[in-house]
PDB file of all heavy atoms in Angstrom:
ATOM      1  N   THR A   1      -4.493   7.858   8.642  1.00  0.00           N
ATOM      2  CA  THR A   1      -4.412   6.677   9.506  1.00  0.00           C
ATOM      3  C   THR A   1      -5.407   5.608   9.054  1.00  0.00           C
ATOM      4  O   THR A   1      -5.612   4.620   9.756  1.00  0.00           O
ATOM      5  CB  THR A   1      -4.707   7.063  10.965  1.00  0.00           C
ATOM      6  OG1 THR A   1      -5.997   7.688  11.037  1.00  0.00           O
ATOM      7  CG2 THR A   1      -3.646   8.010  11.507  1.00  0.00           C
ATOM      8  N   ASN A   2      -5.990   5.816   7.879  1.00  0.00           N
ATOM      9  CA  ASN A   2      -6.946   4.846   7.331  1.00  0.00           C
ATOM     10  C   ASN A   2      -6.152   3.701   6.697  1.00  0.00           C
ATOM     11  O   ASN A   2      -5.887   3.696   5.493  1.00  0.00           O
ATOM     12  CB  ASN A   2      -7.855   5.522   6.311  1.00  0.00           C
ATOM     13  CG  ASN A   2      -8.957   4.601   5.818  1.00  0.00           C
ATOM     14  OD1 ASN A   2      -8.864   3.378   5.930  1.00  0.00           O
ATOM     15  ND2 ASN A   2     -10.013   5.186   5.255  1.00  0.00           N
ATOM     16  N   ILE A   3      -5.770   2.728   7.513  1.00  0.00           N
ATOM     17  CA  ILE A   3      -4.899   1.653   7.054  1.00  0.00           C
ATOM     18  C   ILE A   3      -5.560   0.833   5.951  1.00  0.00           C
ATOM     19  O   ILE A   3      -4.889   0.382   5.010  1.00  0.00           O
ATOM     20  CB  ILE A   3      -4.465   0.759   8.243  1.00  0.00           C
ATOM     21  CG1 ILE A   3      -3.398  -0.258   7.810  1.00  0.00           C
ATOM     22  CG2 ILE A   3      -5.665   0.066   8.870  1.00  0.00           C
ATOM     23  CD1 ILE A   3      -2.055   0.323   7.536  1.00  0.00           C
ATOM     24  N   ALA A   4      -6.872   0.665   6.011  1.00  0.00           N
ATOM     25  CA  ALA A   4      -7.569  -0.121   4.990  1.00  0.00           C
ATOM     26  C   ALA A   4      -7.462   0.547   3.621  1.00  0.00           C
ATOM     27  O   ALA A   4      -7.229  -0.125   2.599  1.00  0.00           O
ATOM     28  CB  ALA A   4      -9.034  -0.309   5.378  1.00  0.00           C
ATOM     29  N   ALA A   5      -7.617   1.876   3.595  1.00  0.00           N
ATOM     30  CA  ALA A   5      -7.531   2.598   2.323  1.00  0.00           C
ATOM     31  C   ALA A   5      -6.108   2.560   1.767  1.00  0.00           C
ATOM     32  O   ALA A   5      -5.908   2.390   0.553  1.00  0.00           O
ATOM     33  CB  ALA A   5      -7.983   4.041   2.516  1.00  0.00           C
ATOM     34  N   VAL A   6      -5.119   2.704   2.637  1.00  0.00           N
ATOM     35  CA  VAL A   6      -3.730   2.676   2.170  1.00  0.00           C
ATOM     36  C   VAL A   6      -3.346   1.264   1.719  1.00  0.00           C
ATOM     37  O   VAL A   6      -2.573   1.086   0.783  1.00  0.00           O
ATOM     38  CB  VAL A   6      -2.769   3.206   3.250  1.00  0.00           C
ATOM     39  CG1 VAL A   6      -1.325   3.190   2.744  1.00  0.00           C
ATOM     40  CG2 VAL A   6      -3.144   4.637   3.647  1.00  0.00           C
ATOM     41  N   ARG A   7      -3.930   0.260   2.358  1.00  0.00           N
ATOM     42  CA  ARG A   7      -3.701  -1.113   1.877  1.00  0.00           C
ATOM     43  C   ARG A   7      -4.258  -1.299   0.470  1.00  0.00           C
ATOM     44  O   ARG A   7      -3.665  -2.004  -0.352  1.00  0.00           O
ATOM     45  CB  ARG A   7      -4.320  -2.120   2.852  1.00  0.00           C
ATOM     46  CG  ARG A   7      -3.487  -2.336   4.107  1.00  0.00           C
ATOM     47  CD  ARG A   7      -4.197  -3.226   5.107  1.00  0.00           C
ATOM     48  NE  ARG A   7      -3.368  -3.445   6.294  1.00  0.00           N
ATOM     49  CZ  ARG A   7      -3.831  -3.800   7.486  1.00  0.00           C
ATOM     50  NH1 ARG A   7      -5.137  -3.995   7.657  1.00  0.00           N
ATOM     51  NH2 ARG A   7      -3.013  -3.964   8.507  1.00  0.00           N
ATOM     52  N   ARG A   8      -5.377  -0.680   0.186  1.00  0.00           N
ATOM     53  CA  ARG A   8      -5.930  -0.753  -1.172  1.00  0.00           C
ATOM     54  C   ARG A   8      -4.969  -0.122  -2.175  1.00  0.00           C
ATOM     55  O   ARG A   8      -4.749  -0.656  -3.273  1.00  0.00           O
ATOM     56  CB  ARG A   8      -7.292  -0.051  -1.240  1.00  0.00           C
ATOM     57  CG  ARG A   8      -8.432  -0.798  -0.575  1.00  0.00           C
ATOM     58  CD  ARG A   8      -9.781  -0.253  -1.012  1.00  0.00           C
ATOM     59  NE  ARG A   8      -9.996   1.145  -0.617  1.00  0.00           N
ATOM     60  CZ  ARG A   8     -10.530   1.516   0.539  1.00  0.00           C
ATOM     61  NH1 ARG A   8     -10.896   0.607   1.429  1.00  0.00           N
ATOM     62  NH2 ARG A   8     -10.702   2.793   0.811  1.00  0.00           N
ATOM     63  N   ILE A   9      -4.404   1.014  -1.784  1.00  0.00           N
ATOM     64  CA  ILE A   9      -3.441   1.694  -2.662  1.00  0.00           C
ATOM     65  C   ILE A   9      -2.205   0.820  -2.873  1.00  0.00           C
ATOM     66  O   ILE A   9      -1.742   0.639  -4.002  1.00  0.00           O
ATOM     67  CB  ILE A   9      -3.047   3.061  -2.061  1.00  0.00           C
ATOM     68  CG1 ILE A   9      -4.247   4.011  -2.084  1.00  0.00           C
ATOM     69  CG2 ILE A   9      -1.860   3.668  -2.819  1.00  0.00           C
ATOM     70  CD1 ILE A   9      -4.022   5.304  -1.329  1.00  0.00           C
ATOM     71  N   ALA A  10      -1.676   0.273  -1.773  1.00  0.00           N
ATOM     72  CA  ALA A  10      -0.480  -0.570  -1.874  1.00  0.00           C
ATOM     73  C   ALA A  10      -0.726  -1.768  -2.794  1.00  0.00           C
ATOM     74  O   ALA A  10       0.126  -2.120  -3.623  1.00  0.00           O
ATOM     75  CB  ALA A  10      -0.053  -1.034  -0.484  1.00  0.00           C
ATOM     76  N   LYS A  11      -1.894  -2.376  -2.666  1.00  0.00           N
ATOM     77  CA  LYS A  11      -2.212  -3.530  -3.508  1.00  0.00           C
ATOM     78  C   LYS A  11      -2.256  -3.137  -4.978  1.00  0.00           C
ATOM     79  O   LYS A  11      -1.749  -3.859  -5.857  1.00  0.00           O
ATOM     80  CB  LYS A  11      -3.546  -4.143  -3.080  1.00  0.00           C
ATOM     81  CG  LYS A  11      -3.915  -5.395  -3.868  1.00  0.00           C
ATOM     82  CD  LYS A  11      -5.199  -6.033  -3.346  1.00  0.00           C
ATOM     83  CE  LYS A  11      -5.531  -7.300  -4.134  1.00  0.00           C
ATOM     84  NZ  LYS A  11      -6.765  -7.946  -3.632  1.00  0.00           N
ATOM     85  N   ARG A  12      -2.843  -1.979  -5.274  1.00  0.00           N
ATOM     86  CA  ARG A  12      -2.970  -1.544  -6.663  1.00  0.00           C
ATOM     87  C   ARG A  12      -1.646  -1.065  -7.245  1.00  0.00           C
ATOM     88  O   ARG A  12      -1.453  -1.098  -8.465  1.00  0.00           O
ATOM     89  CB  ARG A  12      -4.026  -0.433  -6.759  1.00  0.00           C
ATOM     90  CG  ARG A  12      -5.444  -0.922  -6.459  1.00  0.00           C
ATOM     91  CD  ARG A  12      -6.427   0.230  -6.457  1.00  0.00           C
ATOM     92  NE  ARG A  12      -6.582   0.812  -7.796  1.00  0.00           N
ATOM     93  CZ  ARG A  12      -7.271   1.927  -8.040  1.00  0.00           C
ATOM     94  NH1 ARG A  12      -7.870   2.573  -7.032  1.00  0.00           N
ATOM     95  NH2 ARG A  12      -7.350   2.402  -9.267  1.00  0.00           N
ATOM     96  N   VAL A  13      -0.725  -0.657  -6.399  1.00  0.00           N
ATOM     97  CA  VAL A  13       0.618  -0.264  -6.853  1.00  0.00           C
ATOM     98  C   VAL A  13       1.441  -1.489  -7.209  1.00  0.00           C
ATOM     99  O   VAL A  13       2.240  -1.480  -8.157  1.00  0.00           O
ATOM    100  CB  VAL A  13       1.339   0.562  -5.758  1.00  0.00           C
ATOM    101  CG1 VAL A  13       2.834   0.692  -6.071  1.00  0.00           C
ATOM    102  CG2 VAL A  13       0.718   1.943  -5.640  1.00  0.00           C
ATOM    103  N   SER A  14       1.255  -2.565  -6.486  1.00  0.00           N
ATOM    104  CA  SER A  14       2.116  -3.742  -6.616  1.00  0.00           C
ATOM    105  C   SER A  14       1.845  -4.539  -7.879  1.00  0.00           C
ATOM    106  O   SER A  14       0.726  -4.574  -8.391  1.00  0.00           O
ATOM    107  CB  SER A  14       1.929  -4.653  -5.399  1.00  0.00           C
ATOM    108  OG  SER A  14       0.668  -5.288  -5.440  1.00  0.00           O
ATOM    109  N   GLY A  15       2.893  -5.205  -8.362  1.00  0.00           N
ATOM    110  CA  GLY A  15       2.729  -6.093  -9.502  1.00  0.00           C
ATOM    111  C   GLY A  15       1.768  -7.222  -9.203  1.00  0.00           C
ATOM    112  O   GLY A  15       0.976  -7.630 -10.058  1.00  0.00           O
ATOM    113  N   ARG A  16       1.801  -7.726  -7.978  1.00  0.00           N
ATOM    114  CA  ARG A  16       0.915  -8.817  -7.561  1.00  0.00           C
ATOM    115  C   ARG A  16      -0.548  -8.402  -7.667  1.00  0.00           C
ATOM    116  O   ARG A  16      -1.422  -9.221  -7.958  1.00  0.00           O
ATOM    117  CB  ARG A  16       1.260  -9.213  -6.119  1.00  0.00           C
ATOM    118  CG  ARG A  16       0.431 -10.347  -5.536  1.00  0.00           C
ATOM    119  CD  ARG A  16       0.839 -10.608  -4.086  1.00  0.00           C
ATOM    120  NE  ARG A  16      -0.023 -11.555  -3.412  1.00  0.00           N
ATOM    121  CZ  ARG A  16       0.132 -12.865  -3.410  1.00  0.00           C
ATOM    122  NH1 ARG A  16       1.154 -13.392  -4.045  1.00  0.00           N
ATOM    123  NH2 ARG A  16      -0.703 -13.648  -2.759  1.00  0.00           N
ATOM    124  N   GLY A  17      -0.824  -7.112  -7.446  1.00  0.00           N
ATOM    125  CA  GLY A  17      -2.195  -6.617  -7.509  1.00  0.00           C
ATOM    126  C   GLY A  17      -2.577  -6.054  -8.867  1.00  0.00           C
ATOM    127  O   GLY A  17      -3.618  -5.404  -9.003  1.00  0.00           O
ATOM    128  N   GLY A  18      -1.737  -6.284  -9.877  1.00  0.00           N
ATOM    129  CA  GLY A  18      -2.036  -5.800 -11.217  1.00  0.00           C
ATOM    130  C   GLY A  18      -1.497  -4.411 -11.505  1.00  0.00           C
ATOM    131  O   GLY A  18      -1.841  -3.808 -12.526  1.00  0.00           O
ATOM    132  N   GLY A  19      -0.650  -3.901 -10.625  1.00  0.00           N
ATOM    133  CA  GLY A  19      -0.092  -2.564 -10.793  1.00  0.00           C
ATOM    134  C   GLY A  19       1.241  -2.557 -11.522  1.00  0.00           C
ATOM    135  O   GLY A  19       1.371  -3.131 -12.594  1.00  0.00           O
ATOM    136  N   LEU A  20       2.227  -1.927 -10.916  1.00  0.00           N
ATOM    137  CA  LEU A  20       3.531  -1.746 -11.558  1.00  0.00           C
ATOM    138  C   LEU A  20       4.334  -3.052 -11.541  1.00  0.00           C
ATOM    139  O   LEU A  20       4.521  -3.648 -10.479  1.00  0.00           O
ATOM    140  CB  LEU A  20       4.310  -0.647 -10.835  1.00  0.00           C
ATOM    141  CG  LEU A  20       3.659   0.734 -10.806  1.00  0.00           C
ATOM    142  CD1 LEU A  20       4.489   1.689  -9.961  1.00  0.00           C
ATOM    143  CD2 LEU A  20       3.503   1.280 -12.230  1.00  0.00           C
ATOM    144  N   PRO A  21       4.823  -3.484 -12.695  1.00  0.00           N
ATOM    145  CA  PRO A  21       5.615  -4.717 -12.737  1.00  0.00           C
ATOM    146  C   PRO A  21       6.860  -4.595 -11.861  1.00  0.00           C
ATOM    147  O   PRO A  21       7.451  -3.520 -11.755  1.00  0.00           O
ATOM    148  CB  PRO A  21       6.009  -4.842 -14.215  1.00  0.00           C
ATOM    149  CG  PRO A  21       5.062  -3.967 -14.953  1.00  0.00           C
ATOM    150  CD  PRO A  21       4.687  -2.859 -14.017  1.00  0.00           C
ATOM    151  N   SER A  22       7.242  -5.675 -11.223  1.00  0.00           N
ATOM    152  CA  SER A  22       8.456  -5.781 -10.401  1.00  0.00           C
ATOM    153  C   SER A  22       8.422  -4.927  -9.133  1.00  0.00           C
ATOM    154  O   SER A  22       9.445  -4.702  -8.506  1.00  0.00           O
ATOM    155  CB  SER A  22       9.720  -5.454 -11.207  1.00  0.00           C
ATOM    156  OG  SER A  22       9.839  -4.067 -11.492  1.00  0.00           O
ATOM    157  N   VAL A  23       7.226  -4.467  -8.742  1.00  0.00           N
ATOM    158  CA  VAL A  23       7.085  -3.701  -7.501  1.00  0.00           C
ATOM    159  C   VAL A  23       6.285  -4.511  -6.487  1.00  0.00           C
ATOM    160  O   VAL A  23       5.218  -5.036  -6.804  1.00  0.00           O
ATOM    161  CB  VAL A  23       6.395  -2.338  -7.745  1.00  0.00           C
ATOM    162  CG1 VAL A  23       6.093  -1.633  -6.423  1.00  0.00           C
ATOM    163  CG2 VAL A  23       7.271  -1.454  -8.623  1.00  0.00           C
ATOM    164  N   GLN A  24       6.828  -4.625  -5.292  1.00  0.00           N
ATOM    165  CA  GLN A  24       6.103  -5.205  -4.158  1.00  0.00           C
ATOM    166  C   GLN A  24       5.781  -4.082  -3.188  1.00  0.00           C
ATOM    167  O   GLN A  24       6.629  -3.212  -2.938  1.00  0.00           O
ATOM    168  CB  GLN A  24       6.962  -6.266  -3.469  1.00  0.00           C
ATOM    169  CG  GLN A  24       7.309  -7.446  -4.361  1.00  0.00           C
ATOM    170  CD  GLN A  24       8.307  -8.392  -3.731  1.00  0.00           C
ATOM    171  OE1 GLN A  24       9.100  -7.999  -2.871  1.00  0.00           O
ATOM    172  NE2 GLN A  24       8.288  -9.645  -4.150  1.00  0.00           N
ATOM    173  N   ALA A  25       4.586  -4.065  -2.631  1.00  0.00           N
ATOM    174  CA  ALA A  25       4.182  -2.951  -1.774  1.00  0.00           C
ATOM    175  C   ALA A  25       3.310  -3.434  -0.633  1.00  0.00           C
ATOM    176  O   ALA A  25       2.527  -4.376  -0.778  1.00  0.00           O
ATOM    177  CB  ALA A  25       3.432  -1.895  -2.589  1.00  0.00           C
ATOM    178  N   MET A  26       3.458  -2.776   0.519  1.00  0.00           N
ATOM    179  CA  MET A  26       2.586  -3.029   1.659  1.00  0.00           C
ATOM    180  C   MET A  26       2.353  -1.715   2.400  1.00  0.00           C
ATOM    181  O   MET A  26       3.141  -0.772   2.292  1.00  0.00           O
ATOM    182  CB  MET A  26       3.185  -4.076   2.606  1.00  0.00           C
ATOM    183  CG  MET A  26       4.535  -3.740   3.166  1.00  0.00           C
ATOM    184  SD  MET A  26       5.177  -5.093   4.207  1.00  0.00           S
ATOM    185  CE  MET A  26       6.860  -4.524   4.502  1.00  0.00           C
ATOM    186  N   ALA A  27       1.262  -1.655   3.129  1.00  0.00           N
ATOM    187  CA  ALA A  27       0.908  -0.465   3.900  1.00  0.00           C
ATOM    188  C   ALA A  27       1.315  -0.664   5.347  1.00  0.00           C
ATOM    189  O   ALA A  27       0.964  -1.680   5.958  1.00  0.00           O
ATOM    190  CB  ALA A  27      -0.589  -0.200   3.805  1.00  0.00           C
ATOM    191  N   LEU A  28       2.050   0.317   5.905  1.00  0.00           N
ATOM    192  CA  LEU A  28       2.528   0.224   7.278  1.00  0.00           C
ATOM    193  C   LEU A  28       2.268   1.528   8.019  1.00  0.00           C
ATOM    194  O   LEU A  28       2.586   2.614   7.513  1.00  0.00           O
ATOM    195  CB  LEU A  28       4.033  -0.080   7.301  1.00  0.00           C
ATOM    196  CG  LEU A  28       4.499  -1.379   6.642  1.00  0.00           C
ATOM    197  CD1 LEU A  28       6.014  -1.449   6.653  1.00  0.00           C
ATOM    198  CD2 LEU A  28       3.891  -2.583   7.339  1.00  0.00           C
ATOM    199  N   ALA A  29       1.691   1.428   9.215  1.00  0.00           N
ATOM    200  CA  ALA A  29       1.509   2.612  10.053  1.00  0.00           C
ATOM    201  C   ALA A  29       2.876   3.177  10.421  1.00  0.00           C
ATOM    202  O   ALA A  29       3.799   2.430  10.771  1.00  0.00           O
ATOM    203  CB  ALA A  29       0.741   2.240  11.318  1.00  0.00           C
ATOM    204  N   HIS A  30       2.997   4.516  10.326  1.00  0.00           N
ATOM    205  CA  HIS A  30       4.287   5.144  10.614  1.00  0.00           C
ATOM    206  C   HIS A  30       4.064   6.404  11.438  1.00  0.00           C
ATOM    207  O   HIS A  30       3.995   7.512  10.906  1.00  0.00           O
ATOM    208  CB  HIS A  30       5.029   5.466   9.310  1.00  0.00           C
ATOM    209  CG  HIS A  30       6.484   5.748   9.495  1.00  0.00           C
ATOM    210  ND1 HIS A  30       6.999   7.017   9.499  1.00  0.00           N
ATOM    211  CD2 HIS A  30       7.519   4.905   9.730  1.00  0.00           C
ATOM    212  CE1 HIS A  30       8.306   6.948   9.691  1.00  0.00           C
ATOM    213  NE2 HIS A  30       8.647   5.677   9.829  1.00  0.00           N
ATOM    214  N   GLY A  31       3.899   6.215  12.729  1.00  0.00           N
ATOM    215  CA  GLY A  31       3.616   7.345  13.600  1.00  0.00           C
ATOM    216  C   GLY A  31       2.119   7.561  13.755  1.00  0.00           C
ATOM    217  O   GLY A  31       1.294   6.766  13.298  1.00  0.00           O
ATOM    218  N   GLU A  32       1.750   8.666  14.376  1.00  0.00           N
ATOM    219  CA  GLU A  32       0.357   8.916  14.724  1.00  0.00           C
ATOM    220  C   GLU A  32      -0.514   9.308  13.536  1.00  0.00           C
ATOM    221  O   GLU A  32      -1.707   9.029  13.522  1.00  0.00           O
ATOM    222  CB  GLU A  32       0.281  10.007  15.800  1.00  0.00           C
ATOM    223  CG  GLU A  32       0.897   9.580  17.144  1.00  0.00           C
ATOM    224  CD  GLU A  32       0.761  10.665  18.187  1.00  0.00           C
ATOM    225  OE1 GLU A  32       0.221  11.740  17.854  1.00  0.00           O
ATOM    226  OE2 GLU A  32       1.204  10.447  19.333  1.00  0.00           O
ATOM    227  N   ASP A  33       0.075   9.995  12.536  1.00  0.00           N
ATOM    228  CA  ASP A  33      -0.743  10.574  11.467  1.00  0.00           C
ATOM    229  C   ASP A  33      -0.377  10.097  10.074  1.00  0.00           C
ATOM    230  O   ASP A  33      -0.909  10.615   9.089  1.00  0.00           O
ATOM    231  CB  ASP A  33      -0.622  12.112  11.510  1.00  0.00           C
ATOM    232  CG  ASP A  33      -1.007  12.677  12.866  1.00  0.00           C
ATOM    233  OD1 ASP A  33      -2.054  12.261  13.379  1.00  0.00           O
ATOM    234  OD2 ASP A  33      -0.255  13.496  13.402  1.00  0.00           O
ATOM    235  N   VAL A  34       0.533   9.150   9.953  1.00  0.00           N
ATOM    236  CA  VAL A  34       1.051   8.751   8.645  1.00  0.00           C
ATOM    237  C   VAL A  34       0.954   7.237   8.475  1.00  0.00           C
ATOM    238  O   VAL A  34       1.203   6.471   9.404  1.00  0.00           O
ATOM    239  CB  VAL A  34       2.523   9.194   8.470  1.00  0.00           C
ATOM    240  CG1 VAL A  34       3.112   8.640   7.186  1.00  0.00           C
ATOM    241  CG2 VAL A  34       2.628  10.709   8.494  1.00  0.00           C
ATOM    242  N   THR A  35       0.602   6.816   7.275  1.00  0.00           N
ATOM    243  CA  THR A  35       0.698   5.413   6.866  1.00  0.00           C
ATOM    244  C   THR A  35       1.537   5.389   5.596  1.00  0.00           C
ATOM    245  O   THR A  35       1.285   6.159   4.673  1.00  0.00           O
ATOM    246  CB  THR A  35      -0.683   4.797   6.596  1.00  0.00           C
ATOM    247  OG1 THR A  35      -1.525   4.998   7.741  1.00  0.00           O
ATOM    248  CG2 THR A  35      -0.555   3.309   6.321  1.00  0.00           C
TER     249      THR A  35
END
């Protein structure tokens, strides 16, 4: 549920954040124990 940490991962995965080309990513809470 550490949304800040998962946002860091999403940013690093995305092409915009220097990660995978042609990938857009965002972190979203999904239930009580999952992001």
